[in-house]
C-alpha atoms as a PDB file:
ATOM      1  CA  MET A   1      -3.038  -8.977  -8.490  1.00  0.00           C
ATOM      2  CA  TRP A   2      -0.518  -6.774 -11.210  1.00  0.00           C
ATOM      3  CA  ARG A   3       1.026  -8.299 -13.589  1.00  0.00           C
ATOM      4  CA  VAL A   4       4.883  -6.508 -13.380  1.00  0.00           C
ATOM      5  CA  TYR A   5       7.366  -6.215 -16.660  1.00  0.00           C
ATOM      6  CA  ILE A   6      10.892  -5.668 -15.849  1.00  0.00           C
ATOM      7  CA  THR A   7      13.015  -4.732 -18.004  1.00  0.00           C
ATOM      8  CA  ARG A   8      16.928  -4.619 -17.389  1.00  0.00           C
ATOM      9  CA  MET A   9      19.475  -3.251 -19.743  1.00  0.00           C
ATOM     10  CA  ARG A  10      23.408  -2.346 -19.647  1.00  0.00           C
ATOM     11  CA  ASP A  11      24.466   0.885 -21.275  1.00  0.00           C
ATOM     12  CA  PHE A  12      28.458   0.126 -22.302  1.00  0.00           C
ATOM     13  CA  ASP A  13      29.238   3.614 -23.840  1.00  0.00           C
ATOM     14  CA  ARG A  14      27.976   5.450 -19.985  1.00  0.00           C
ATOM     15  CA  MET A  15      28.754   2.567 -18.140  1.00  0.00           C
ATOM     16  CA  ASP A  16      24.987   2.384 -16.223  1.00  0.00           C
ATOM     17  CA  HIS A  17      22.527   0.176 -15.534  1.00  0.00           C
ATOM     18  CA  ARG A  18      18.777   0.920 -16.566  1.00  0.00           C
ATOM     19  CA  LEU A  19      15.932  -0.484 -14.510  1.00  0.00           C
ATOM     20  CA  ARG A  20      12.301   0.024 -16.167  1.00  0.00           C
ATOM     21  CA  MET A  21       9.384  -1.384 -13.523  1.00  0.00           C
ATOM     22  CA  GLU A  22       5.713  -0.870 -15.666  1.00  0.00           C
ATOM     23  CA  ILE A  23       2.485  -2.295 -13.806  1.00  0.00           C
ATOM     24  CA  ALA A  24      -0.108  -3.552 -15.906  1.00  0.00           C
ATOM     25  CA  ARG A  25      -3.634  -5.081 -15.629  1.00  0.00           C
ATOM     26  CA  PRO A  26      -4.052  -8.898 -15.117  1.00  0.00           C
ATOM     27  CA  VAL A  27      -5.646 -10.779 -17.961  1.00  0.00           C
ATOM     28  CA  ARG A  28      -9.030 -12.386 -16.486  1.00  0.00           C
ATOM     29  CA  GLU A  29      -8.481 -16.241 -16.935  1.00  0.00           C
ATOM     30  CA  SER A  30     -12.001 -17.325 -17.025  1.00  0.00           C
ATOM     31  CA  SER A  31     -15.781 -16.379 -16.607  1.00  0.00           C
ATOM     32  CA  SER A  32     -16.286 -19.424 -14.932  1.00  0.00           C
ATOM     33  CA  SER A  33     -14.070 -18.837 -11.467  1.00  0.00           C
ATOM     34  CA  SER A  34     -16.366 -17.483  -8.929  1.00  0.00           C
ATOM     35  CA  ASP A  35     -13.478 -16.558  -6.900  1.00  0.00           C
ATOM     36  CA  GLU A  36     -14.329 -12.746  -5.952  1.00  0.00           C
ATOM     37  CA  SER A  37     -10.706 -11.924  -5.968  1.00  0.00           C
ATOM     38  CA  SER A  38     -10.237 -12.400  -9.206  1.00  0.00           C
ATOM     39  CA  GLU A  39     -12.955 -10.287 -10.116  1.00  0.00           C
ATOM     40  CA  SER A  40     -11.116  -7.988  -8.655  1.00  0.00           C
ATOM     41  CA  ALA A  41      -8.263  -7.838  -9.892  1.00  0.00           C
ATOM     42  CA  VAL A  42      -8.718  -6.877 -13.014  1.00  0.00           C
ATOM     43  CA  ASP A  43     -10.172  -3.383 -11.947  1.00  0.00           C
ATOM     44  CA  VAL A  44      -7.456  -2.966 -10.021  1.00  0.00           C
ATOM     45  CA  ASP A  45      -5.552   0.539  -9.682  1.00  0.00           C
ATOM     46  CA  THR A  46      -1.977   0.025 -11.506  1.00  0.00           C
ATOM     47  CA  ASN A  47      -0.809   3.369 -10.795  1.00  0.00           C
ATOM     48  CA  VAL A  48       1.353   2.313  -7.777  1.00  0.00           C
ATOM     49  CA  PHE A  49       4.893   3.935  -7.995  1.00  0.00           C
ATOM     50  CA  LEU A  50       4.771   7.292  -6.218  1.00  0.00           C
ATOM     51  CA  MET A  51       6.998  10.377  -7.758  1.00  0.00           C
ATOM     52  CA  GLN A  52       8.115  13.310  -6.678  1.00  0.00           C
ATOM     53  CA  ARG A  53       8.742  16.365  -9.115  1.00  0.00           C
ATOM     54  CA  GLN A  54      11.564  18.736  -8.251  1.00  0.00           C
ATOM     55  CA  TRP A  55      11.798  21.422 -10.188  1.00  0.00           C
ATOM     56  CA  PRO A  56      15.971  22.704 -10.401  1.00  0.00           C
ATOM     57  CA  ALA A  57      16.459  26.574 -11.044  1.00  0.00           C
ATOM     58  CA  ALA A  58      18.385  26.031 -14.299  1.00  0.00           C
ATOM     59  CA  SER A  59      15.905  23.610 -16.408  1.00  0.00           C
ATOM     60  CA  GLY A  60      12.444  22.526 -16.623  1.00  0.00           C
ATOM     61  CA  TYR A  61      11.599  19.439 -13.922  1.00  0.00           C
ATOM     62  CA  ASN A  62      12.989  16.344 -12.577  1.00  0.00           C
ATOM     63  CA  ASP A  63      10.600  13.355 -11.702  1.00  0.00           C
ATOM     64  CA  ALA A  64      12.212  10.871  -8.536  1.00  0.00           C
ATOM     65  CA  VAL A  65      10.689   8.158  -7.609  1.00  0.00           C
ATOM     66  CA  VAL A  66       9.424   7.650  -3.745  1.00  0.00           C
ATOM     67  CA  GLY A  67       8.540   4.592  -4.139  1.00  0.00           C
ATOM     68  CA  VAL A  68       5.759   2.040  -3.899  1.00  0.00           C
ATOM     69  CA  CYS A  69       2.078   3.768  -2.558  1.00  0.00           C
ATOM     70  CA  SER A  70       0.697   2.538   0.608  1.00  0.00           C
ATOM     71  CA  VAL A  71      -2.658   2.154   0.598  1.00  0.00           C
ATOM     72  CA  ALA A  72      -3.567   5.869   1.669  1.00  0.00           C
ATOM     73  CA  ASP A  73      -0.943   7.486  -0.858  1.00  0.00           C
ATOM     74  CA  LEU A  74      -3.797   5.567  -3.561  1.00  0.00           C
ATOM     75  CA  ASN A  75      -6.425   7.641  -2.436  1.00  0.00           C
ATOM     76  CA  ASN A  76      -4.119  10.901  -1.324  1.00  0.00           C
ATOM     77  CA  TYR A  77      -2.415  11.414  -5.077  1.00  0.00           C
ATOM     78  CA  PRO A  78      -3.696  12.208  -8.257  1.00  0.00           C
ATOM     79  CA  VAL A  79      -2.776   9.732 -11.285  1.00  0.00           C
ATOM     80  CA  GLY A  80      -0.172  11.621 -13.781  1.00  0.00           C
ATOM     81  CA  SER A  81       1.892  14.842 -13.684  1.00  0.00           C
ATOM     82  CA  PRO A  82       0.936  16.690 -10.325  1.00  0.00           C
ATOM     83  CA  ASP A  83      -1.457  19.797 -10.676  1.00  0.00           C
ATOM     84  CA  THR A  84       0.067  22.863  -8.628  1.00  0.00           C
ATOM     85  CA  ASP A  85      -1.078  22.284  -5.717  1.00  0.00           C
ATOM     86  CA  ASN A  86       1.111  18.914  -5.044  1.00  0.00           C
ATOM     87  CA  VAL A  87       4.181  17.632  -6.542  1.00  0.00           C
ATOM     88  CA  PHE A  88       4.014  14.120  -5.931  1.00  0.00           C
ATOM     89  CA  PHE A  89       1.921  12.254  -7.851  1.00  0.00           C
ATOM     90  CA  ARG A  90       1.474   8.565  -9.099  1.00  0.00           C
ATOM     91  CA  THR A  91       2.060   6.206 -11.998  1.00  0.00           C
ATOM     92  CA  SER A  92       2.371   3.003 -13.295  1.00  0.00           C
ATOM     93  CA  VAL A  93       6.090   2.943 -15.116  1.00  0.00           C
ATOM     94  CA  ILE A  94       8.898   3.759 -13.610  1.00  0.00           C
ATOM     95  CA  ASP A  95      12.714   4.441 -15.543  1.00  0.00           C
ATOM     96  CA  MET A  96      16.005   4.151 -13.109  1.00  0.00           C
ATOM     97  CA  VAL A  97      19.325   4.361 -13.993  1.00  0.00           C
ATOM     98  CA  PHE A  98      22.323   3.330 -11.559  1.00  0.00           C
ATOM     99  CA  ARG A  99      25.699   2.695 -11.968  1.00  0.00           C
ATOM    100  CA  SER A 100      25.899  -0.560  -9.770  1.00  0.00           C
ATOM    101  CA  SER A 101      24.174  -4.092 -10.888  1.00  0.00           C
ATOM    102  CA  ASP A 102      24.036  -4.620  -6.870  1.00  0.00           C
ATOM    103  CA  VAL A 103      21.868  -1.587  -6.121  1.00  0.00           C
ATOM    104  CA  MET A 104      20.478  -2.963  -9.006  1.00  0.00           C
ATOM    105  CA  ASP A 105      19.183  -5.939  -8.226  1.00  0.00           C
ATOM    106  CA  GLU A 106      18.534  -4.853  -4.240  1.00  0.00           C
ATOM    107  CA  THR A 107      16.173  -2.263  -5.558  1.00  0.00           C
ATOM    108  CA  GLU A 108      14.188  -4.245  -7.819  1.00  0.00           C
ATOM    109  CA  GLU A 109      13.839  -6.537  -4.616  1.00  0.00           C
ATOM    110  CA  THR A 110      12.439  -3.857  -2.099  1.00  0.00           C
ATOM    111  CA  ILE A 111      10.361  -3.145  -4.697  1.00  0.00           C
ATOM    112  CA  LEU A 112       8.748  -6.553  -5.508  1.00  0.00           C
ATOM    113  CA  GLU A 113       8.320  -7.006  -1.877  1.00  0.00           C
ATOM    114  CA  ASP A 114       6.450  -3.733  -1.299  1.00  0.00           C
ATOM    115  CA  LEU A 115       4.119  -4.513  -4.250  1.00  0.00           C
ATOM    116  CA  ALA A 116       3.383  -7.584  -2.366  1.00  0.00           C
ATOM    117  CA  GLU A 117       2.850  -5.621   0.685  1.00  0.00           C
ATOM    118  CA  LEU A 118       0.829  -3.393  -1.468  1.00  0.00           C
ATOM    119  CA  ARG A 119      -0.995  -6.305  -2.434  1.00  0.00           C
ATOM    120  CA  ASP A 120      -1.759  -7.712   0.769  1.00  0.00           C
ATOM    121  CA  ASN A 121      -2.581  -4.480   2.269  1.00  0.00           C
ATOM    122  CA  ILE A 122      -5.208  -3.679  -0.433  1.00  0.00           C
ATOM    123  CA  ALA A 123      -6.267  -7.503   0.397  1.00  0.00           C
ATOM    124  CA  ASP A 124      -6.977  -6.547   4.072  1.00  0.00           C
ATOM    125  CA  VAL A 125      -9.085  -3.410   3.310  1.00  0.00           C
ATOM    126  CA  ASN A 126     -11.073  -4.593   1.048  1.00  0.00           C
ATOM    127  CA  GLN A 127     -11.562  -7.675   3.704  1.00  0.00           C
ATOM    128  CA  LEU A 128     -13.091  -5.029   6.421  1.00  0.00           C
ATOM    129  CA  ILE A 129     -15.003  -3.414   3.754  1.00  0.00           C
ATOM    130  CA  ARG A 130     -16.641  -6.676   3.062  1.00  0.00           C
ATOM    131  CA  GLU A 131     -17.226  -7.379   6.898  1.00  0.00           C
ATOM    132  CA  GLY A 132     -18.490  -4.162   8.013  1.00  0.00           C
ATOM    133  CA  ALA A 133     -17.820  -2.439  11.001  1.00  0.00           C
ATOM    134  CA  VAL A 134     -14.989  -2.892  12.623  1.00  0.00           C
ATOM    135  CA  PHE A 135     -15.284  -2.419  16.423  1.00  0.00           C
ATOM    136  CA  ALA A 136     -11.812  -1.974  18.968  1.00  0.00           C
ATOM    137  CA  GLY A 137     -12.491  -3.599  22.433  1.00  0.00           C
ATOM    138  CA  GLN A 138     -15.655  -4.534  24.062  1.00  0.00           C
ATOM    139  CA  TYR A 139     -18.683  -5.074  21.943  1.00  0.00           C
ATOM    140  CA  GLU A 140     -21.646  -4.186  23.939  1.00  0.00           C
ATOM    141  CA  SER A 141     -25.127  -4.349  21.850  1.00  0.00           C
ATOM    142  CA  SER A 142     -27.932  -1.631  21.480  1.00  0.00           C
ATOM    143  CA  SER A 143     -29.546  -3.103  24.550  1.00  0.00           C
ATOM    144  CA  SER A 144     -27.014  -2.814  26.823  1.00  0.00           C
ATOM    145  CA  LEU A 145     -26.084   1.087  26.597  1.00  0.00           C
ATOM    146  CA  SER A 146     -29.211   2.102  28.147  1.00  0.00           C
ATOM    147  CA  SER A 147     -27.625   4.030  30.285  1.00  0.00           C
ATOM    148  CA  SER A 148     -24.830   5.740  28.581  1.00  0.00           C
ATOM    149  CA  SER A 149     -22.736   6.662  32.145  1.00  0.00           C
ATOM    150  CA  GLU A 150     -23.338   3.489  33.275  1.00  0.00           C
ATOM    151  CA  SER A 151     -22.075   1.892  29.922  1.00  0.00           C
ATOM    152  CA  SER A 152     -18.842   4.262  29.661  1.00  0.00           C
ATOM    153  CA  SER A 153     -17.681   2.902  33.597  1.00  0.00           C
ATOM    154  CA  SER A 154     -18.348  -0.932  33.516  1.00  0.00           C
ATOM    155  CA  GLU A 155     -16.280  -0.476  29.809  1.00  0.00           C
ATOM    156  CA  SER A 156     -13.055   1.463  31.742  1.00  0.00           C
ATOM    157  CA  SER A 157     -13.696  -0.980  34.331  1.00  0.00           C
ATOM    158  CA  SER A 158     -13.622  -4.482  32.072  1.00  0.00           C
ATOM    159  CA  PHE A 159     -10.765  -2.902  30.294  1.00  0.00           C
ATOM    160  CA  SER A 160      -8.326  -1.853  33.147  1.00  0.00           C
ATOM    161  CA  SER A 161      -9.678  -5.591  34.177  1.00  0.00           C
ATOM    162  CA  SER A 162      -8.854  -7.505  31.405  1.00  0.00           C
ATOM    163  CA  LYS A 163      -5.021  -5.263  30.776  1.00  0.00           C
ATOM    164  CA  SER A 164      -4.212  -5.735  34.874  1.00  0.00           C
ATOM    165  CA  SER A 165      -4.842  -9.617  33.672  1.00  0.00           C
ATOM    166  CA  SER A 166      -2.521  -9.780  30.875  1.00  0.00           C
ATOM    167  CA  THR A 167       0.311  -8.091  32.767  1.00  0.00           C
ATOM    168  CA  GLU A 168      -0.480 -10.581  35.857  1.00  0.00           C
ATOM    169  CA  SER A 169      -0.265 -13.549  33.242  1.00  0.00           C
ATOM    170  CA  SER A 170       2.619 -12.253  31.658  1.00  0.00           C
ATOM    171  CA  SER A 171       4.668 -11.932  34.553  1.00  0.00           C
ATOM    172  CA  SER A 172       3.980 -14.807  35.879  1.00  0.00           C
ATOM    173  CA  THR A 173       5.725 -16.359  33.177  1.00  0.00           C
END
């Protein structure tokens, strides 16, 4: 879905480790592919890192990495520097400094796992959008909804009976 460019550096003078991650759009492989996911992958948003602008009293500001965005974060937070109403924003590049290479390795692994989870969540949302409406509980056609009071009472009784049957089966095992 994305290309992740990772740069790892060691500063021997300061004795710290630097991790830079950049998300880039994937290259379109071939136009002959009929796979729907390869088409939509090129149009995916690369600004998937959530940042928080912190305003120290003494000097300017500091941007802190919060983590990888959720699907909701992609819709709720702006790209680039935040406006005055919001201190959170999204970006495609993060740059972090660590004192320990072990902590840097763990952080890199966690971020890559979070990116994979975000990729899967975006695919799930896209699948739901393609399929249309999603129903929770028992679906009733419009012809069976002739009387709203009858349908609501039958729906609640079918829910309670299915719930009790599931607890009966679990208690018998």
